[in-house]
Amino acid sequence: MSYVVDFANVSTIGLESSPVAPALAGLRANEARYFKNKYGHDFTVEPAGEAKETVEWVQRILRQERDIVISSRPLEATVFQVENTKWAYVFYESGLSINVLYALDDAGKRAVGFKLSDGMEIPAELAARFKFVRQKSKLAGTIRGSYFVIKGEH
């Protein structure tokens, strides 16, 4: 069942099994607010089991680009297109959020972003490979994030 993320009334719906569910819900709401304010897009997620194609696409990019396999269980995912960019998000039980920004034209930006919910440790599979910077969010507290540029075609 799809869920339109409400950033005015942050809810842990779909994220309850996460040990940092309130922070992860705030992180998800922060993304929803960004897309609504910048593009007028309603950020809609679905359970990872119903979004297998999206989860597999993100996992394939991580594996092929950087030989990364995320050990945490995916809880929710979404994929959508805004302007000429395909976006995919996967929210993990650990509190990790991974997004793929993938320009549909060859000259555009393509990257994978990692965001860590407030209160979670950096996952072992990412700790030695990336430096995480901090940013403040009214909805998500302190977000730590990092990214890498996608080199291949996906």
Protein backbone atom coordinates (compact mmCIF):
# COMPACT_ATOMS: atom_id res chain seq x y z
CA MET A 1 0.00 0.00 0.00
CA SER A 2 1.39 3.40 -1.03
CA TYR A 3 1.77 6.18 1.51
CA VAL A 4 2.00 9.90 0.69
CA VAL A 5 4.49 11.26 3.22
CA ASP A 6 3.03 14.11 5.28
CA PHE A 7 5.80 16.47 6.35
CA ALA A 8 3.46 18.63 8.44
CA ASN A 9 2.50 15.68 10.69
CA VAL A 10 5.51 13.37 10.77
CA SER A 11 4.51 9.71 11.16
CA THR A 12 6.48 6.51 11.61
CA ILE A 13 4.00 4.56 9.45
CA GLY A 14 5.95 1.84 7.62
CA LEU A 15 9.09 2.45 9.67
CA GLU A 16 8.02 1.09 13.05
CA SER A 17 10.57 -1.75 13.12
CA SER A 18 13.51 0.67 12.94
CA PRO A 19 15.31 1.31 16.24
CA VAL A 20 15.46 4.98 15.18
CA ALA A 21 11.95 5.13 13.69
CA PRO A 22 11.13 8.73 14.77
CA ALA A 23 14.41 10.04 13.34
CA LEU A 24 14.00 8.01 10.13
CA ALA A 25 10.43 9.33 9.79
CA GLY A 26 11.82 12.86 10.17
CA LEU A 27 14.41 12.15 7.49
CA ARG A 28 11.70 10.82 5.15
CA ALA A 29 9.53 13.88 5.89
CA ASN A 30 12.50 16.16 5.18
CA GLU A 31 12.79 14.63 1.70
CA ALA A 32 9.02 14.94 1.17
CA ARG A 33 9.12 18.65 2.08
CA TYR A 34 12.01 19.27 -0.33
CA PHE A 35 10.22 17.69 -3.31
CA LYS A 36 6.90 19.35 -2.52
CA ASN A 37 8.42 22.82 -2.11
CA LYS A 38 10.86 22.64 -5.03
CA TYR A 39 8.86 20.64 -7.59
CA GLY A 40 5.27 20.38 -6.31
CA HIS A 41 5.76 16.58 -6.16
CA ASP A 42 3.97 14.44 -3.55
CA PHE A 43 6.60 12.09 -2.10
CA THR A 44 4.92 8.69 -2.06
CA VAL A 45 6.56 5.54 -0.69
CA GLU A 46 5.55 1.90 -0.68
CA PRO A 47 6.73 -1.12 1.28
CA ALA A 48 10.03 -2.46 -0.06
CA GLY A 49 8.36 -5.79 -0.85
CA GLU A 50 6.06 -3.99 -3.28
CA ALA A 51 8.91 -1.91 -4.74
CA LYS A 52 11.32 -4.75 -5.52
CA GLU A 53 12.34 -3.34 -8.90
CA THR A 54 13.35 -0.01 -7.32
CA VAL A 55 15.22 -1.67 -4.45
CA GLU A 56 17.04 -3.97 -6.88
CA TRP A 57 17.99 -1.04 -9.15
CA VAL A 58 19.52 0.86 -6.22
CA GLN A 59 21.28 -2.30 -4.97
CA ARG A 60 22.65 -3.01 -8.46
CA ILE A 61 24.08 0.52 -8.76
CA LEU A 62 25.76 0.24 -5.35
CA ARG A 63 27.23 -3.18 -6.20
CA GLN A 64 28.40 -2.30 -9.72
CA GLU A 65 29.74 1.17 -8.96
CA ARG A 66 31.40 0.60 -5.56
CA ASP A 67 30.99 -3.08 -4.62
CA ILE A 68 28.70 -2.07 -1.73
CA VAL A 69 26.06 -4.38 -0.27
CA ILE A 70 23.85 -2.88 2.43
CA SER A 71 23.26 -5.33 5.27
CA SER A 72 20.17 -3.63 6.70
CA ARG A 73 16.67 -4.64 5.59
CA PRO A 74 14.92 -2.20 3.22
CA LEU A 75 11.59 -1.01 4.64
CA GLU A 76 10.27 1.38 1.99
CA ALA A 77 11.15 2.64 -1.45
CA THR A 78 9.99 5.05 -4.12
CA VAL A 79 10.94 5.96 -7.66
CA PHE A 80 9.69 8.93 -9.67
CA GLN A 81 10.72 11.39 -12.35
CA VAL A 82 10.90 15.14 -11.83
CA GLU A 83 11.78 17.18 -14.88
CA ASN A 84 14.50 15.18 -16.65
CA THR A 85 15.77 13.33 -13.58
CA LYS A 86 14.84 9.93 -12.23
CA TRP A 87 14.94 9.75 -8.43
CA ALA A 88 14.87 6.60 -6.30
CA TYR A 89 14.87 6.34 -2.52
CA VAL A 90 15.23 3.33 -0.26
CA PHE A 91 14.71 3.67 3.51
CA TYR A 92 16.39 0.97 5.60
CA GLU A 93 15.57 -0.47 9.03
CA SER A 94 18.93 0.75 10.41
CA GLY A 95 17.92 4.37 9.76
CA LEU A 96 19.87 4.69 6.51
CA SER A 97 18.33 6.43 3.51
CA ILE A 98 19.86 5.96 0.07
CA ASN A 99 18.82 8.04 -2.89
CA VAL A 100 19.79 7.82 -6.54
CA LEU A 101 19.66 10.97 -8.67
CA TYR A 102 19.89 9.87 -12.29
CA ALA A 103 19.68 12.42 -15.11
CA LEU A 104 18.00 10.95 -18.16
CA ASP A 105 20.23 12.89 -20.55
CA ASP A 106 23.88 11.90 -20.86
CA ALA A 107 25.22 15.29 -19.80
CA GLY A 108 23.24 15.49 -16.54
CA LYS A 109 24.15 14.70 -12.96
CA ARG A 110 24.10 11.14 -11.68
CA ALA A 111 24.90 10.33 -8.06
CA VAL A 112 24.09 8.17 -5.07
CA GLY A 113 23.44 9.88 -1.75
CA PHE A 114 23.55 8.39 1.73
CA LYS A 115 21.80 9.96 4.71
CA LEU A 116 22.00 8.67 8.26
CA SER A 117 19.15 9.19 10.71
CA ASP A 118 19.94 10.93 13.97
CA GLY A 119 21.08 8.37 16.54
CA MET A 120 22.32 5.64 14.19
CA GLU A 121 25.89 4.48 13.73
CA ILE A 122 27.57 4.66 10.33
CA PRO A 123 27.02 1.25 8.71
CA ALA A 124 30.20 -0.83 8.56
CA GLU A 125 29.88 -1.19 4.78
CA LEU A 126 30.10 2.61 4.43
CA ALA A 127 32.29 3.69 7.36
CA ALA A 128 35.72 3.17 5.80
CA ARG A 129 34.69 4.44 2.35
CA PHE A 130 32.93 7.76 2.98
CA LYS A 131 33.21 10.89 5.08
CA PHE A 132 29.86 12.09 6.39
CA VAL A 133 29.04 15.77 6.82
CA ARG A 134 26.38 17.08 9.18
CA GLN A 135 23.40 19.26 8.44
CA LYS A 136 20.55 20.39 10.67
CA SER A 137 16.92 19.74 9.86
CA LYS A 138 13.83 20.86 11.77
CA LEU A 139 12.14 17.59 10.83
CA ALA A 140 15.06 15.17 11.17
CA GLY A 141 17.42 16.69 13.76
CA THR A 142 21.02 16.21 12.66
CA ILE A 143 21.43 14.45 9.33
CA ARG A 144 24.78 13.04 8.32
CA GLY A 145 25.25 12.62 4.61
CA SER A 146 27.67 11.61 1.88
CA TYR A 147 27.54 10.72 -1.81
CA PHE A 148 29.40 9.46 -4.82
CA VAL A 149 29.12 10.20 -8.54
CA ILE A 150 27.77 7.42 -10.76
CA LYS A 151 30.17 6.64 -13.61
CA GLY A 152 28.33 3.88 -15.51
CA GLU A 153 24.99 3.50 -17.29
CA HIS A 154 22.15 2.11 -15.23
